[in-house]
């Protein structure tokens, strides 16, 4: 049979992350290429106990369909955690639970990107984010970085000379793959620039909870005055990847669009 795939499928390539994970299946390999937590640290016994409690006390609810937004107490907990550590002002209605942060990236592409739109990203940036956005036939422009994050003079130059820019995608905490953390001033100025140009910022933060020294820095979202910043988070690096629990946090008007797609 001749399969008639969508046109965009022809532009896609195999995921580099998938190839990395294939190598990690070999027991003799310790890979530094992927962000895999140490499996010997997974709280397996605790998870067994918690699963038993949930199924015994709330089994019918746990195994039933739920709302698109996700489990309400978890959404409230995530909002409170972000507010206390990152300086945000979220409520549970600002949180949408996703199947890992990768679905959050895919949904972001579906909600915001048209064919030919441009995504600005750090140079270099997270491979899987490029794969997720590329499915929606966008283009990418890399913005140079230094030790404090994205170089804003270069960002301003690109914004003046390029058309169709829809999203600025950044990882300000322990950036993948460089490990850099943005300065507070860069975070403030990025929001100011995005507000001036009416461009959405997607702030991806899968690693912020892995800080072992120093103080937590305020989220880019904490400087947002008009709702131009979306936050993505995940439990994959701090709990276990197999549960596939991530989230999107943002203005309620935006979250409503994510829900309907």
Protein backbone atom coordinates (compact mmCIF):
# COMPACT_ATOMS: atom_id res chain seq x y z
CA UNK A 1 0.00 0.00 0.00
CA UNK A 2 1.17 3.53 -0.73
CA UNK A 3 0.75 5.49 2.50
CA UNK A 4 -0.28 9.11 2.11
CA UNK A 5 1.42 10.73 5.07
CA UNK A 6 1.01 14.40 5.99
CA UNK A 7 3.42 16.64 4.12
CA UNK A 8 5.19 17.68 7.31
CA UNK A 9 6.25 14.07 8.00
CA UNK A 10 8.60 14.19 5.05
CA UNK A 11 10.55 17.01 6.70
CA UNK A 12 11.12 15.13 9.94
CA UNK A 13 14.22 13.20 10.90
CA UNK A 14 14.76 10.45 13.45
CA UNK A 15 15.17 11.81 16.96
CA UNK A 16 18.75 12.15 18.16
CA UNK A 17 17.49 11.52 21.69
CA UNK A 18 16.09 8.16 20.59
CA UNK A 19 19.52 7.15 19.31
CA UNK A 20 21.12 8.19 22.60
CA UNK A 21 18.62 6.11 24.57
CA UNK A 22 19.33 3.05 22.43
CA UNK A 23 22.95 3.16 23.55
CA UNK A 24 21.99 3.51 27.22
CA UNK A 25 20.13 0.18 27.04
CA UNK A 26 23.50 -1.55 26.90
CA UNK A 27 24.38 -2.46 30.51
CA UNK A 28 28.10 -1.86 30.05
CA UNK A 29 27.57 1.76 28.92
CA UNK A 30 27.43 4.80 31.19
CA UNK A 31 26.32 7.60 28.89
CA UNK A 32 26.99 11.26 29.57
CA UNK A 33 25.10 12.28 26.43
CA UNK A 34 21.59 12.03 27.87
CA UNK A 35 20.05 13.44 31.04
CA UNK A 36 19.25 10.08 32.61
CA UNK A 37 18.99 10.02 36.41
CA UNK A 38 20.76 7.20 38.25
CA UNK A 39 18.27 4.28 38.36
CA UNK A 40 19.69 2.97 41.63
CA UNK A 41 18.33 6.11 43.29
CA UNK A 42 14.73 5.59 42.20
CA UNK A 43 12.54 5.28 45.35
CA UNK A 44 11.07 1.95 44.29
CA UNK A 45 9.96 0.73 47.73
CA UNK A 46 8.33 4.08 48.49
CA UNK A 47 6.53 4.05 45.13
CA UNK A 48 5.20 0.54 45.82
CA UNK A 49 3.80 1.72 49.17
CA UNK A 50 2.27 4.89 47.72
CA UNK A 51 0.69 3.02 44.81
CA UNK A 52 -0.91 0.60 47.26
CA UNK A 53 -2.29 3.46 49.36
CA UNK A 54 -3.67 5.27 46.32
CA UNK A 55 -5.34 2.18 44.91
CA UNK A 56 -6.80 1.15 48.27
CA UNK A 57 -8.11 4.59 49.19
CA UNK A 58 -8.79 6.27 45.82
CA UNK A 59 -8.62 3.39 43.35
CA UNK A 60 -11.80 4.15 41.41
CA UNK A 61 -10.74 7.76 40.90
CA UNK A 62 -7.13 6.95 40.12
CA UNK A 63 -8.09 4.50 37.36
CA UNK A 64 -10.88 6.61 35.85
CA UNK A 65 -10.72 9.28 33.15
CA UNK A 66 -9.73 12.68 34.47
CA UNK A 67 -10.05 16.25 33.27
CA UNK A 68 -7.68 17.49 30.59
CA UNK A 69 -6.06 19.87 33.07
CA UNK A 70 -4.94 17.00 35.30
CA UNK A 71 -5.29 16.07 38.96
CA UNK A 72 -6.32 19.22 40.84
CA UNK A 73 -4.32 18.67 44.08
CA UNK A 74 -1.15 18.08 42.02
CA UNK A 75 -1.73 21.26 40.02
CA UNK A 76 -2.16 23.22 43.25
CA UNK A 77 1.02 21.70 44.70
CA UNK A 78 3.04 22.57 41.59
CA UNK A 79 1.74 26.16 41.63
CA UNK A 80 2.63 26.59 45.30
CA UNK A 81 6.06 25.03 44.81
CA UNK A 82 6.88 27.34 41.90
CA UNK A 83 5.63 30.38 43.79
CA UNK A 84 7.74 29.63 46.86
CA UNK A 85 10.94 28.86 44.95
CA UNK A 86 10.78 30.87 41.73
CA UNK A 87 8.88 34.04 42.60
CA UNK A 88 5.89 33.30 40.38
CA UNK A 89 2.23 33.96 41.23
CA UNK A 90 0.47 30.91 39.85
CA UNK A 91 -2.74 29.28 40.98
CA UNK A 92 -3.90 25.76 40.13
CA UNK A 93 -5.88 27.12 37.17
CA UNK A 94 -2.57 28.23 35.62
CA UNK A 95 -1.20 24.66 35.55
CA UNK A 96 -1.78 21.97 32.92
CA UNK A 97 -0.40 18.48 33.58
CA UNK A 98 1.30 16.85 30.59
CA UNK A 99 2.84 13.50 29.69
CA UNK A 100 6.35 14.71 30.40
CA UNK A 101 7.89 17.96 29.23
CA UNK A 102 8.18 16.59 25.70
CA UNK A 103 4.40 16.71 25.29
CA UNK A 104 4.50 20.26 26.67
CA UNK A 105 6.94 21.19 23.90
CA UNK A 106 4.82 19.49 21.26
CA UNK A 107 1.65 21.21 22.46
CA UNK A 108 3.47 24.55 22.43
CA UNK A 109 4.34 24.03 18.79
CA UNK A 110 0.76 23.05 18.01
CA UNK A 111 -0.67 26.11 19.77
CA UNK A 112 1.73 28.78 18.53
CA UNK A 113 3.55 27.77 15.35
CA UNK A 114 2.50 28.07 11.72
CA UNK A 115 4.54 26.99 8.74
CA UNK A 116 7.44 29.39 8.26
CA UNK A 117 7.30 30.90 11.76
CA UNK A 118 10.65 31.44 13.45
CA UNK A 119 11.77 30.14 16.84
CA UNK A 120 14.74 31.84 18.49
CA UNK A 121 16.85 29.61 20.71
CA UNK A 122 20.14 29.58 22.54
CA UNK A 123 23.21 28.35 20.69
CA UNK A 124 23.42 25.44 21.37
CA UNK A 125 20.04 24.26 22.63
CA UNK A 126 18.07 21.14 23.60
CA UNK A 127 17.84 18.66 20.72
CA UNK A 128 14.40 17.32 21.61
CA UNK A 129 12.91 20.82 21.64
CA UNK A 130 14.08 21.32 18.07
CA UNK A 131 12.50 17.99 17.10
CA UNK A 132 9.20 18.89 18.75
CA UNK A 133 8.94 22.34 17.16
CA UNK A 134 10.20 21.24 13.74
CA UNK A 135 7.13 19.04 13.32
CA UNK A 136 5.13 22.25 12.84
CA UNK A 137 7.32 23.36 9.92
CA UNK A 138 8.96 26.28 11.64
CA UNK A 139 12.45 27.68 11.21
CA UNK A 140 15.14 28.31 13.82
CA UNK A 141 17.60 31.12 14.46
CA UNK A 142 20.31 30.58 17.05
CA UNK A 143 21.23 33.43 19.39
CA UNK A 144 24.81 33.39 20.74
CA UNK A 145 25.30 32.97 24.49
CA UNK A 146 27.91 33.77 27.10
CA UNK A 147 28.24 32.78 30.75
CA UNK A 148 25.22 34.92 31.72
CA UNK A 149 22.87 33.50 29.11
CA UNK A 150 21.57 34.69 25.76
CA UNK A 151 23.50 37.72 24.46
CA UNK A 152 20.82 40.38 24.31
CA UNK A 153 22.59 42.72 21.88
CA UNK A 154 22.60 39.85 19.40
CA UNK A 155 18.97 39.11 20.19
CA UNK A 156 18.00 42.72 19.49
CA UNK A 157 19.91 42.65 16.21
CA UNK A 158 18.12 39.47 15.11
CA UNK A 159 14.75 40.92 16.06
CA UNK A 160 15.46 43.97 13.89
CA UNK A 161 16.65 42.01 10.87
CA UNK A 162 14.37 38.94 10.88
CA UNK A 163 10.67 38.48 10.21
CA UNK A 164 8.14 35.97 11.47
CA UNK A 165 9.63 35.46 14.94
CA UNK A 166 6.97 33.81 17.10
CA UNK A 167 8.74 32.22 20.09
CA UNK A 168 11.91 32.66 22.13
CA UNK A 169 12.80 29.27 23.65
CA UNK A 170 15.25 29.30 26.57
CA UNK A 171 16.53 27.05 29.36
CA UNK A 172 17.79 29.52 31.99
CA UNK A 173 18.66 27.02 34.74
CA UNK A 174 21.63 24.68 34.12
CA UNK A 175 21.04 24.94 30.39
CA UNK A 176 21.06 21.83 28.22
CA UNK A 177 23.69 21.15 26.90
CA UNK A 178 26.03 23.87 28.26
CA UNK A 179 25.04 23.81 31.94
CA UNK A 180 24.98 27.63 32.08
CA UNK A 181 22.62 29.55 34.37
CA UNK A 182 21.30 32.93 33.32
CA UNK A 183 21.98 36.01 35.45
CA UNK A 184 19.02 37.82 37.01
CA UNK A 185 19.64 40.91 34.88
CA UNK A 186 19.50 38.88 31.65
CA UNK A 187 16.19 37.40 32.75
CA UNK A 188 14.74 40.84 33.43
CA UNK A 189 15.95 42.26 30.13
CA UNK A 190 14.72 39.29 28.11
CA UNK A 191 11.18 39.83 29.37
CA UNK A 192 11.42 43.55 28.62
CA UNK A 193 12.50 42.83 25.04
CA UNK A 194 9.78 40.19 24.55
CA UNK A 195 7.10 42.56 25.82
CA UNK A 196 8.30 45.31 23.48
CA UNK A 197 8.15 42.98 20.47
CA UNK A 198 5.01 41.03 21.52
CA UNK A 199 6.84 37.69 21.39
CA UNK A 200 6.16 34.65 23.55
CA UNK A 201 8.92 33.23 25.76
CA UNK A 202 8.93 29.53 26.56
CA UNK A 203 10.97 29.03 29.74
CA UNK A 204 11.94 25.38 30.04
CA UNK A 205 13.13 24.39 33.50
CA UNK A 206 13.71 20.64 33.88
CA UNK A 207 16.88 21.04 35.97
CA UNK A 208 16.22 23.88 38.41
CA UNK A 209 15.52 21.57 41.35
CA UNK A 210 18.97 19.99 40.96
CA UNK A 211 20.76 22.96 42.52
CA UNK A 212 23.19 21.77 45.21
CA UNK A 213 24.62 25.14 46.28
CA UNK A 214 23.74 28.80 46.11
CA UNK A 215 20.26 30.30 46.12
CA UNK A 216 17.34 29.71 43.77
CA UNK A 217 17.08 32.43 41.16
CA UNK A 218 13.74 33.99 40.22
CA UNK A 219 12.02 32.56 37.18
CA UNK A 220 11.95 34.63 34.00
CA UNK A 221 8.18 34.44 34.48
CA UNK A 222 8.46 36.40 37.74
CA UNK A 223 9.35 39.53 35.72
CA UNK A 224 6.46 39.08 33.27
CA UNK A 225 3.79 41.79 33.45
CA UNK A 226 1.62 40.94 30.44
CA UNK A 227 1.51 37.12 30.27
CA UNK A 228 4.22 36.64 27.64
CA UNK A 229 6.10 33.84 29.46
CA UNK A 230 5.15 30.17 29.61
CA UNK A 231 6.93 27.84 32.03
CA UNK A 232 7.58 24.15 31.37
CA UNK A 233 8.54 21.71 34.11
CA UNK A 234 8.95 18.00 34.68
CA UNK A 235 9.48 15.44 37.43
CA UNK A 236 11.71 13.32 35.18
CA UNK A 237 15.04 14.58 36.59
CA UNK A 238 14.03 14.83 40.27
CA UNK A 239 11.72 11.83 40.70
CA UNK A 240 11.69 9.29 37.87
CA UNK A 241 11.19 9.60 34.09
CA UNK A 242 8.92 6.57 33.77
CA UNK A 243 5.93 8.30 35.29
CA UNK A 244 5.94 10.81 32.38
CA UNK A 245 4.62 13.73 34.45
CA UNK A 246 5.36 17.28 33.35
CA UNK A 247 3.46 20.54 33.27
CA UNK A 248 2.84 23.84 31.54
CA UNK A 249 2.32 26.98 33.65
CA UNK A 250 1.08 30.23 32.21
CA UNK A 251 -1.65 32.81 31.77
CA UNK A 252 -5.09 31.22 32.08
CA UNK A 253 -6.04 32.44 28.58
CA UNK A 254 -3.12 30.51 27.12
CA UNK A 255 -3.72 27.38 29.20
CA UNK A 256 -7.29 27.31 27.85
CA UNK A 257 -5.89 27.07 24.31
CA UNK A 258 -3.62 24.17 25.30
CA UNK A 259 -6.62 22.34 26.75
CA UNK A 260 -8.69 22.47 23.55
CA UNK A 261 -5.92 21.11 21.30
